[in-house]
Each structure stands twice: as structure tokens, then as C-alpha cells.
N, C-alpha and C. Protein backbone atom coordinates (compact mmCIF):
# COMPACT_ATOMS: atom_id res chain seq x y z
N UNK A 1 72.22 88.45 68.51
CA UNK A 1 72.67 87.27 69.29
C UNK A 1 72.06 87.54 70.69
N UNK A 2 71.57 86.42 71.36
CA UNK A 2 70.92 86.42 72.62
C UNK A 2 71.78 86.79 73.66
N UNK A 3 71.49 87.25 74.75
CA UNK A 3 72.40 87.67 75.79
C UNK A 3 72.75 86.46 76.48
N UNK A 4 73.62 86.49 77.65
CA UNK A 4 73.97 85.43 78.26
C UNK A 4 72.87 84.83 79.22
N UNK A 5 72.15 85.84 79.76
CA UNK A 5 70.93 85.52 80.56
C UNK A 5 70.08 84.75 79.68
N UNK A 6 69.71 85.13 78.63
CA UNK A 6 68.65 84.61 77.64
C UNK A 6 69.19 82.98 77.22
N UNK A 7 70.44 83.02 76.95
CA UNK A 7 70.86 81.60 76.60
C UNK A 7 70.83 80.74 77.93
N UNK A 8 71.00 81.14 79.17
CA UNK A 8 70.95 80.19 80.20
C UNK A 8 69.35 79.89 80.63
N UNK A 9 68.54 80.81 80.52
CA UNK A 9 67.17 80.66 80.52
C UNK A 9 66.68 79.61 79.61
N UNK A 10 67.04 79.78 78.27
CA UNK A 10 66.62 79.00 77.17
C UNK A 10 67.12 77.62 77.53
N UNK A 11 68.33 77.50 77.94
CA UNK A 11 68.94 76.02 78.00
C UNK A 11 68.30 75.35 79.13
N UNK A 12 67.91 76.11 80.36
CA UNK A 12 67.20 75.62 81.40
C UNK A 12 65.92 75.14 81.13
N UNK A 13 65.33 76.04 80.49
CA UNK A 13 63.62 75.47 79.92
C UNK A 13 63.95 74.53 79.26
N UNK A 14 64.92 74.17 78.48
CA UNK A 14 64.82 73.30 77.52
C UNK A 14 65.00 71.95 78.05
N UNK A 15 65.86 71.91 79.20
CA UNK A 15 66.16 70.78 79.97
C UNK A 15 65.06 70.52 81.16
N UNK A 16 63.93 71.31 81.09
CA UNK A 16 62.87 71.22 82.03
C UNK A 16 63.52 71.41 83.85
N UNK A 17 64.25 72.21 83.67
CA UNK A 17 64.88 72.36 85.14
C UNK A 17 64.20 73.69 85.84
N UNK A 18 63.47 73.49 87.09
CA UNK A 18 63.11 74.77 87.80
C UNK A 18 64.35 75.70 88.39
N UNK A 19 64.03 77.03 88.67
CA UNK A 19 65.09 77.70 89.12
C UNK A 19 65.64 76.95 90.43
N UNK A 20 64.72 76.31 91.35
CA UNK A 20 65.23 75.71 92.62
C UNK A 20 65.66 74.56 92.50
N UNK A 21 65.70 73.99 91.29
CA UNK A 21 66.52 72.74 91.00
C UNK A 21 67.98 73.27 90.76
N UNK A 22 68.22 74.16 89.90
CA UNK A 22 69.46 74.67 89.50
C UNK A 22 70.02 75.12 90.80
N UNK A 23 69.39 75.81 91.61
CA UNK A 23 70.07 76.26 92.76
C UNK A 23 70.33 75.21 93.81
N UNK A 24 69.83 74.15 93.83
CA UNK A 24 70.12 72.91 94.77
C UNK A 24 71.27 72.41 93.90
N UNK A 25 71.44 72.29 92.69
CA UNK A 25 72.68 71.62 92.11
C UNK A 25 73.81 72.36 92.06
N UNK A 26 73.75 73.61 92.03
CA UNK A 26 74.90 74.51 91.93
C UNK A 26 75.34 75.35 93.18
N UNK A 27 74.33 75.30 94.14
CA UNK A 27 74.38 75.77 95.52
C UNK A 27 74.62 77.30 94.98
N UNK A 28 74.07 77.87 94.23
CA UNK A 28 73.68 79.21 93.93
C UNK A 28 72.29 79.72 94.56
N UNK A 29 72.40 80.75 95.34
CA UNK A 29 70.79 81.20 95.61
C UNK A 29 70.11 81.39 94.61
N UNK A 30 68.77 81.26 94.57
CA UNK A 30 67.93 81.09 93.46
C UNK A 30 67.48 82.87 92.90
N UNK A 31 67.73 83.81 93.99
CA UNK A 31 67.66 85.35 93.40
C UNK A 31 68.90 85.48 92.64
N UNK A 32 70.11 84.87 92.83
CA UNK A 32 71.21 85.03 91.96
C UNK A 32 71.05 84.51 90.59
N UNK A 33 70.21 83.34 90.68
CA UNK A 33 69.90 82.72 89.38
C UNK A 33 68.93 83.55 88.30
N UNK A 34 68.03 84.20 89.23
CA UNK A 34 66.92 84.97 88.55
C UNK A 34 67.73 86.19 87.84
N UNK A 35 68.58 86.75 88.86
CA UNK A 35 69.55 88.11 88.33
C UNK A 35 70.24 87.79 86.94
N UNK A 36 70.90 86.54 87.01
CA UNK A 36 71.77 86.02 85.99
C UNK A 36 70.78 86.02 84.74
N UNK A 37 69.86 85.58 84.97
CA UNK A 37 68.92 85.36 83.68
C UNK A 37 68.11 86.60 83.11
N UNK A 38 67.97 87.47 83.98
CA UNK A 38 67.71 88.61 83.66
C UNK A 38 68.68 89.81 83.24
N UNK A 39 69.88 89.50 83.58
CA UNK A 39 70.97 90.25 83.13
C UNK A 39 71.12 91.61 84.08
N UNK A 40 70.68 91.18 85.29
CA UNK A 40 70.74 92.32 86.23
C UNK A 40 71.80 92.02 87.30
N UNK A 41 73.16 92.62 86.69
CA UNK A 41 74.59 92.06 87.41
C UNK A 41 74.65 93.08 88.50
N UNK A 42 73.92 93.97 88.74
CA UNK A 42 74.20 95.03 89.91
C UNK A 42 73.88 94.36 91.39
N UNK A 43 73.21 93.38 91.40
CA UNK A 43 73.15 92.72 92.54
C UNK A 43 74.38 91.82 93.12
N UNK A 44 75.29 91.74 92.35
CA UNK A 44 76.42 91.02 92.92
C UNK A 44 77.66 92.10 93.15
N UNK A 45 78.34 91.72 94.05
CA UNK A 45 79.42 92.81 94.65
C UNK A 45 80.47 92.98 93.80
N UNK A 46 80.92 91.85 93.11
CA UNK A 46 82.03 92.01 92.01
C UNK A 46 81.80 91.07 90.85
N UNK A 47 82.48 91.44 89.66
CA UNK A 47 82.37 90.72 88.63
C UNK A 47 82.96 89.23 88.81
N UNK A 48 83.84 88.86 89.57
CA UNK A 48 84.36 87.70 89.70
C UNK A 48 83.29 86.62 90.32
N UNK A 49 82.26 87.32 91.10
CA UNK A 49 81.15 86.31 91.48
C UNK A 49 80.39 85.90 90.12
N UNK A 50 80.12 87.23 89.56
CA UNK A 50 79.19 86.94 88.22
C UNK A 50 79.97 85.77 87.32
N UNK A 51 81.00 86.09 87.11
CA UNK A 51 81.84 84.98 86.37
C UNK A 51 81.82 83.41 87.04
N UNK A 52 81.92 83.43 88.12
CA UNK A 52 82.20 82.02 88.75
C UNK A 52 80.69 81.53 88.73
N UNK A 53 79.54 82.29 88.92
CA UNK A 53 78.19 81.65 89.01
C UNK A 53 77.74 81.36 87.39
N UNK A 54 78.23 82.11 86.52
CA UNK A 54 77.71 81.84 85.10
C UNK A 54 78.55 80.65 84.72
N UNK A 55 79.81 80.52 85.11
CA UNK A 55 80.49 79.18 84.77
C UNK A 55 79.93 78.03 85.41
N UNK A 56 79.52 78.08 86.63
CA UNK A 56 78.93 76.91 87.26
C UNK A 56 77.46 76.61 86.60
N UNK A 57 76.86 77.72 86.40
CA UNK A 57 75.61 77.56 85.74
C UNK A 57 75.60 76.93 84.38
N UNK A 58 76.34 77.48 83.59
CA UNK A 58 76.55 76.96 82.15
C UNK A 58 77.26 75.41 82.07
N UNK A 59 77.99 75.02 83.02
CA UNK A 59 78.60 73.69 83.23
C UNK A 59 77.30 72.78 83.32
N UNK A 60 76.49 73.16 84.44
CA UNK A 60 75.35 72.29 84.94
C UNK A 60 74.42 72.10 83.47
N UNK A 61 74.41 73.19 82.72
CA UNK A 61 73.57 73.07 81.63
C UNK A 61 73.96 72.47 80.26
N UNK A 62 75.50 72.07 80.49
CA UNK A 62 76.24 71.56 79.62
C UNK A 62 76.37 72.38 78.13
N UNK A 63 76.52 73.90 78.52
CA UNK A 63 76.96 74.72 77.60
C UNK A 63 78.48 74.98 77.35
N UNK A 64 78.85 75.50 76.29
CA UNK A 64 80.25 75.69 76.23
C UNK A 64 80.42 77.10 77.24
N UNK A 65 81.26 76.88 78.22
CA UNK A 65 81.32 77.68 79.29
C UNK A 65 82.54 78.91 78.95
N UNK A 66 83.38 78.45 77.88
CA UNK A 66 84.40 79.43 77.60
C UNK A 66 83.76 80.54 76.61
N UNK A 67 82.76 80.02 75.86
CA UNK A 67 82.08 80.90 74.82
C UNK A 67 81.34 81.77 75.53
N UNK A 68 80.44 81.11 76.71
CA UNK A 68 79.47 81.98 77.44
C UNK A 68 80.27 82.94 78.22
N UNK A 69 81.33 82.77 78.81
CA UNK A 69 82.06 83.66 79.64
C UNK A 69 82.73 84.81 78.67
N UNK A 70 83.10 84.47 77.70
CA UNK A 70 83.70 85.44 76.52
C UNK A 70 82.62 86.51 76.31
N UNK A 71 81.35 85.81 76.13
CA UNK A 71 80.21 86.89 75.85
C UNK A 71 79.86 87.73 77.01
N UNK A 72 79.99 87.00 78.17
CA UNK A 72 79.69 87.63 79.61
C UNK A 72 80.67 88.90 79.67
N UNK A 73 82.04 88.67 79.39
CA UNK A 73 82.95 89.76 79.66
C UNK A 73 82.84 91.06 78.67
N UNK A 74 82.14 90.65 77.45
CA UNK A 74 81.93 91.83 76.64
C UNK A 74 80.41 92.52 77.33
N UNK A 75 79.61 91.67 77.67
CA UNK A 75 78.46 92.39 78.26
C UNK A 75 78.89 93.11 79.57
N UNK A 76 79.77 92.59 80.23
CA UNK A 76 80.17 93.39 81.71
C UNK A 76 80.88 94.59 81.31
N UNK A 77 81.88 94.64 80.32
CA UNK A 77 82.42 95.75 79.82
C UNK A 77 81.56 96.70 79.22
N UNK A 78 80.45 96.35 78.54
CA UNK A 78 79.49 97.26 77.97
C UNK A 78 78.89 97.91 79.05
N UNK A 79 78.65 97.15 80.28
CA UNK A 79 77.82 97.69 81.31
C UNK A 79 78.88 98.57 82.24
N UNK A 80 79.99 98.68 82.03
CA UNK A 80 81.09 99.20 82.93
C UNK A 80 81.53 98.59 84.02
N UNK A 81 81.26 97.47 84.09
CA UNK A 81 82.02 96.43 85.04
C UNK A 81 83.09 95.67 84.38
N UNK A 82 84.39 95.93 84.90
CA UNK A 82 85.53 95.44 84.37
C UNK A 82 86.04 94.25 85.54
N UNK A 83 87.00 93.49 85.07
CA UNK A 83 87.55 92.55 86.15
C UNK A 83 88.45 93.20 86.79
N UNK A 84 88.75 93.02 88.22
CA UNK A 84 89.68 93.57 89.07
C UNK A 84 91.05 93.06 88.53
N UNK A 85 91.97 93.70 88.66
CA UNK A 85 93.32 93.32 88.27
C UNK A 85 93.85 92.48 89.45
N UNK A 86 94.71 91.37 89.03
CA UNK A 86 95.18 90.41 89.85
C UNK A 86 96.28 91.03 90.67
N UNK A 87 96.89 92.03 90.33
CA UNK A 87 98.01 92.55 91.25
C UNK A 87 97.54 94.16 91.41
N UNK A 88 97.90 94.60 92.55
CA UNK A 88 97.64 95.97 92.75
C UNK A 88 98.57 96.79 92.06
N UNK A 89 98.06 98.31 91.76
CA UNK A 89 99.08 98.94 91.03
C UNK A 89 100.11 99.47 91.98
N UNK A 90 101.23 99.94 91.41
CA UNK A 90 102.46 99.97 92.23
C UNK A 90 102.11 101.45 92.92
N UNK A 91 102.39 101.67 94.14
CA UNK A 91 102.07 102.55 94.96
C UNK A 91 103.59 103.14 95.44
N UNK A 92 103.58 104.05 96.38
CA UNK A 92 104.70 104.75 96.85
C UNK A 92 105.76 103.76 97.44
N UNK A 93 106.79 104.45 97.72
CA UNK A 93 107.87 103.69 98.40
C UNK A 93 107.56 103.33 99.77
N UNK A 94 106.83 104.16 100.53
CA UNK A 94 106.33 103.74 101.78
C UNK A 94 105.33 102.68 101.96
N UNK A 95 104.27 102.60 100.82
CA UNK A 95 103.43 101.30 100.84
C UNK A 95 104.27 100.17 100.64
N UNK A 96 105.25 100.10 99.71
CA UNK A 96 105.97 98.75 99.44
C UNK A 96 107.00 98.56 100.59
N UNK A 97 107.47 99.53 101.43
CA UNK A 97 108.15 99.41 102.61
C UNK A 97 107.23 98.72 103.72
N UNK A 98 105.98 99.20 103.95
CA UNK A 98 105.03 98.78 104.89
C UNK A 98 104.55 97.08 104.45
N UNK A 99 104.31 97.08 103.15
CA UNK A 99 104.06 95.85 102.89
C UNK A 99 105.25 94.67 103.02
N UNK A 100 106.49 94.95 102.74
CA UNK A 100 107.50 94.17 103.01
C UNK A 100 107.61 93.92 104.65
N UNK A 101 107.50 94.97 105.39
CA UNK A 101 107.75 94.90 106.69
C UNK A 101 106.32 93.92 107.37
N UNK A 102 105.43 93.96 106.89
CA UNK A 102 104.19 93.32 107.20
C UNK A 102 104.70 91.68 107.00
N UNK A 103 105.20 91.43 106.06
CA UNK A 103 105.61 89.98 105.55
C UNK A 103 106.54 89.56 106.75
N UNK A 104 107.57 90.35 107.20
CA UNK A 104 108.57 89.93 108.26
C UNK A 104 107.80 89.71 109.61
N UNK A 105 107.01 90.76 109.81
CA UNK A 105 106.45 90.66 111.20
C UNK A 105 105.71 89.51 111.59
N UNK A 106 105.00 89.02 110.54
CA UNK A 106 104.50 87.48 110.89
C UNK A 106 105.61 86.37 110.83
N UNK A 107 106.51 86.46 109.96
CA UNK A 107 107.43 85.28 109.82
C UNK A 107 108.28 85.25 110.77
N UNK A 108 108.99 86.68 111.09
CA UNK A 108 110.20 86.71 111.90
C UNK A 108 110.04 87.34 113.16
N UNK A 109 109.35 88.47 112.97
CA UNK A 109 109.50 89.21 114.11
C UNK A 109 108.61 88.75 115.47
N UNK A 110 107.48 88.14 115.11
CA UNK A 110 106.55 87.85 116.21
C UNK A 110 107.12 86.53 116.80
N UNK A 111 107.61 85.37 116.06
CA UNK A 111 108.04 84.33 116.68
C UNK A 111 109.39 84.79 117.45
N UNK A 112 110.27 85.71 117.14
CA UNK A 112 111.37 86.23 117.63
C UNK A 112 110.95 86.87 118.78
N UNK A 113 110.00 87.65 118.97
CA UNK A 113 109.63 88.42 120.03
C UNK A 113 108.99 87.40 121.20
N UNK A 114 108.48 86.32 120.87
CA UNK A 114 108.01 85.43 121.64
C UNK A 114 109.23 84.47 122.19
N UNK A 115 110.13 84.12 121.45
CA UNK A 115 111.17 83.48 121.74
C UNK A 115 112.12 84.29 122.90
N UNK A 116 112.32 85.71 122.57
CA UNK A 116 113.02 86.56 123.30
C UNK A 116 112.47 86.69 124.61
N UNK A 117 111.04 86.70 124.85
CA UNK A 117 110.24 86.65 125.98
C UNK A 117 110.63 85.65 126.87
N UNK A 118 110.53 84.42 126.46
CA UNK A 118 110.73 83.21 126.91
C UNK A 118 112.20 83.00 127.63
N UNK A 119 113.07 83.62 126.68
CA UNK A 119 114.60 83.39 127.19
C UNK A 119 114.67 84.26 128.41
N UNK A 120 113.96 85.62 128.27
CA UNK A 120 114.07 86.59 129.52
C UNK A 120 113.33 86.07 130.66
N UNK A 121 112.30 85.28 130.66
CA UNK A 121 111.72 84.92 131.71
C UNK A 121 112.42 83.64 132.21
N UNK A 122 113.06 83.08 131.46
CA UNK A 122 114.04 81.88 131.91
C UNK A 122 115.14 82.45 132.85
N UNK A 123 115.66 83.41 132.11
CA UNK A 123 116.97 84.17 132.86
C UNK A 123 116.53 84.86 134.06
N UNK A 124 115.49 85.45 134.25
CA UNK A 124 115.19 86.00 135.45
C UNK A 124 114.78 84.99 136.40
N UNK A 125 114.00 83.75 136.02
CA UNK A 125 113.91 82.84 136.96
C UNK A 125 115.33 82.13 137.41
N UNK A 126 116.23 81.84 136.59
CA UNK A 126 117.52 81.41 137.05
C UNK A 126 118.24 82.30 137.93
N UNK A 127 118.33 83.38 137.79
CA UNK A 127 119.14 84.53 138.76
C UNK A 127 118.40 84.85 139.83
N UNK A 128 117.00 84.60 139.99
CA UNK A 128 116.38 84.66 141.07
C UNK A 128 116.77 83.48 141.85
N UNK A 129 116.69 82.28 141.33
CA UNK A 129 117.12 81.07 142.02
C UNK A 129 118.32 81.03 142.59
N UNK A 130 119.39 81.42 141.78
CA UNK A 130 120.67 81.71 142.38
C UNK A 130 120.59 82.41 143.41
N UNK A 131 120.23 83.83 143.48
CA UNK A 131 120.33 84.66 144.60
C UNK A 131 119.73 84.09 145.67
N UNK A 132 118.48 83.33 145.51
CA UNK A 132 117.73 82.64 146.67
C UNK A 132 118.74 81.64 147.15
N UNK A 133 119.62 81.08 146.65
CA UNK A 133 120.53 79.89 147.08
C UNK A 133 121.50 80.39 148.04
N UNK A 134 121.69 81.85 147.80
CA UNK A 134 122.96 82.22 148.62
C UNK A 134 122.51 82.80 149.75
N UNK A 135 121.17 83.21 150.01
CA UNK A 135 120.53 83.60 151.17
C UNK A 135 120.29 82.47 152.26
N UNK A 136 120.21 83.08 153.56
CA UNK A 136 119.92 82.21 154.66
C UNK A 136 118.57 82.24 154.71
N UNK A 137 117.81 81.11 154.72
CA UNK A 137 116.23 81.07 154.81
C UNK A 137 115.72 81.80 156.04
N UNK A 138 116.58 81.71 157.32
CA UNK A 138 116.32 81.92 158.46
C UNK A 138 116.68 83.27 158.83
N UNK A 139 117.17 83.98 157.76
CA UNK A 139 117.74 85.48 158.08
C UNK A 139 116.69 86.30 158.63
N UNK A 140 115.79 86.38 157.87
CA UNK A 140 114.60 87.41 158.07
C UNK A 140 113.51 87.21 159.24
N UNK A 141 113.87 85.86 160.01
CA UNK A 141 112.72 85.54 160.95
C UNK A 141 113.01 86.28 162.15
N UNK A 142 111.77 86.50 162.99
CA UNK A 142 112.05 87.16 164.06
C UNK A 142 112.29 86.02 165.38
N UNK A 143 112.15 86.56 166.73
CA UNK A 143 112.15 85.73 167.81
C UNK A 143 111.03 84.45 167.81
N UNK A 144 110.13 84.77 167.22
CA UNK A 144 108.79 83.90 167.19
C UNK A 144 107.86 84.26 168.27
N UNK A 145 106.83 83.43 168.33
CA UNK A 145 105.87 83.70 169.30
C UNK A 145 106.05 83.47 170.76
N UNK A 146 106.84 82.32 171.02
CA UNK A 146 107.28 82.12 172.34
C UNK A 146 108.56 82.69 172.81
N UNK A 147 108.63 83.20 173.96
CA UNK A 147 109.81 83.56 174.45
C UNK A 147 110.35 82.35 175.37
N UNK A 148 111.66 82.15 175.00
CA UNK A 148 112.31 80.99 175.78
C UNK A 148 112.69 81.65 177.13
N UNK A 149 112.38 80.78 177.98
CA UNK A 149 112.68 81.17 179.46
C UNK A 149 114.23 80.98 179.75
N UNK A 150 114.88 81.89 180.61
CA UNK A 150 116.38 81.56 180.85
C UNK A 150 116.48 79.96 181.52
N UNK A 151 117.50 79.55 181.51
CA UNK A 151 117.88 78.37 182.14
C UNK A 151 117.64 78.20 183.55
N UNK A 152 117.64 79.27 184.19
CA UNK A 152 117.60 79.26 185.73
C UNK A 152 116.35 79.20 186.20
N UNK A 153 115.34 79.71 185.52
CA UNK A 153 113.95 79.72 185.89
C UNK A 153 113.33 78.34 185.66
N UNK A 154 112.43 77.88 186.21
CA UNK A 154 111.37 76.75 186.02
C UNK A 154 110.27 77.19 185.76
N UNK A 155 109.59 76.33 184.87
CA UNK A 155 108.36 76.54 184.53
C UNK A 155 107.50 75.79 185.65
N UNK A 156 106.34 76.64 185.82
CA UNK A 156 105.32 76.13 186.74
C UNK A 156 104.65 74.84 186.22
N UNK A 157 104.56 73.62 187.14
CA UNK A 157 103.82 72.55 186.94
C UNK A 157 102.29 72.74 187.11
N UNK A 158 101.64 71.79 186.21
CA UNK A 158 100.19 71.91 186.37
C UNK A 158 99.75 71.34 187.74
N UNK A 159 98.71 71.84 188.19
CA UNK A 159 98.02 71.24 189.38
C UNK A 159 97.77 69.78 189.31
N UNK A 160 98.14 69.10 190.19
CA UNK A 160 97.53 67.56 190.33
C UNK A 160 96.28 67.27 189.99
N UNK A 161 95.96 66.11 189.13
CA UNK A 161 94.75 65.79 188.91
C UNK A 161 94.20 64.98 190.36
N UNK A 162 93.00 65.26 190.62
CA UNK A 162 92.20 64.55 191.76
C UNK A 162 91.77 63.21 191.46
């Protein structure tokens, strides 16, 4: 039975499509298409990318995608690449607690902290305003720049203009 890559290449050549045309239609890089056709799965960072690219490529070529993906799963298992689990394995109690805490930080604690900060700033501003209302605004001022002459003294007149 031909491999997935051989089936893809044969179907592409039967439809007279060049690799760059397939890359344009599927938006998959041409290097990745060549790697799929050669069965070189080591260039991909994860099996999920391989499955997605093979699905898109086989759909373009009007092949049975489910059948191709099933055969791909057998090839990947034979090569030692397995699909990642959708859920993480159960870890310790601390990991679970930190995970739950991280959900609450984003949902409750951060908005709560922002709300508390706003309330605190408003309270400081209000009590500062109240305290300022009770004080005399002229209480801290000195005598000023000019000295006021006693009422008994007179000020000199300017000389008459000629």
C-alpha cells in the first residue's frame, strides 16, 4: 500500500498541479508540501500540523481525507510521533491549586484590585477636600511684600511735573 506522501504526490500529478499551485490554494509553504510528499515529518514541530496540512492537501485533491488521516496516524505511530493529549495529565495538589488561582486572578482579583484602588483614590480625594474646607485659606500667609505705614505717617508726594 502506498504511503500518504506517495498518494498525495500521485493525486497532485494526476491533476497536473505544480507544488507552487498547491501552496497557493492551500496556503501551505511549498517546503512543507514537499516534506509531506516525501514522508519527511521531522520538519514539523508537532503532529497536529502534519494532520492539518494533510487534511487541507487531501481535500484540495478531492481524496478521502478520513482514510488518508487514518493511514497517517499509523505512519506517525510507526515513526514514534503520537498525537498530544487534549488534557494535561493530573499533577500534584499544588499545580491544581495554582491553576485554579490563576483563573480567579484574571476574573476576580484583578478587577477587584482595580476597583479597590479607584475607591481608595476617591476616598483620599474626598477626605482631603473636607479637610481643606475646614481650614482658613489665609492662615499661612505672612505680612506680604509691602509694609503698611501707620495711620499717623503720611506718604511722600511725588515731585511736581514741570
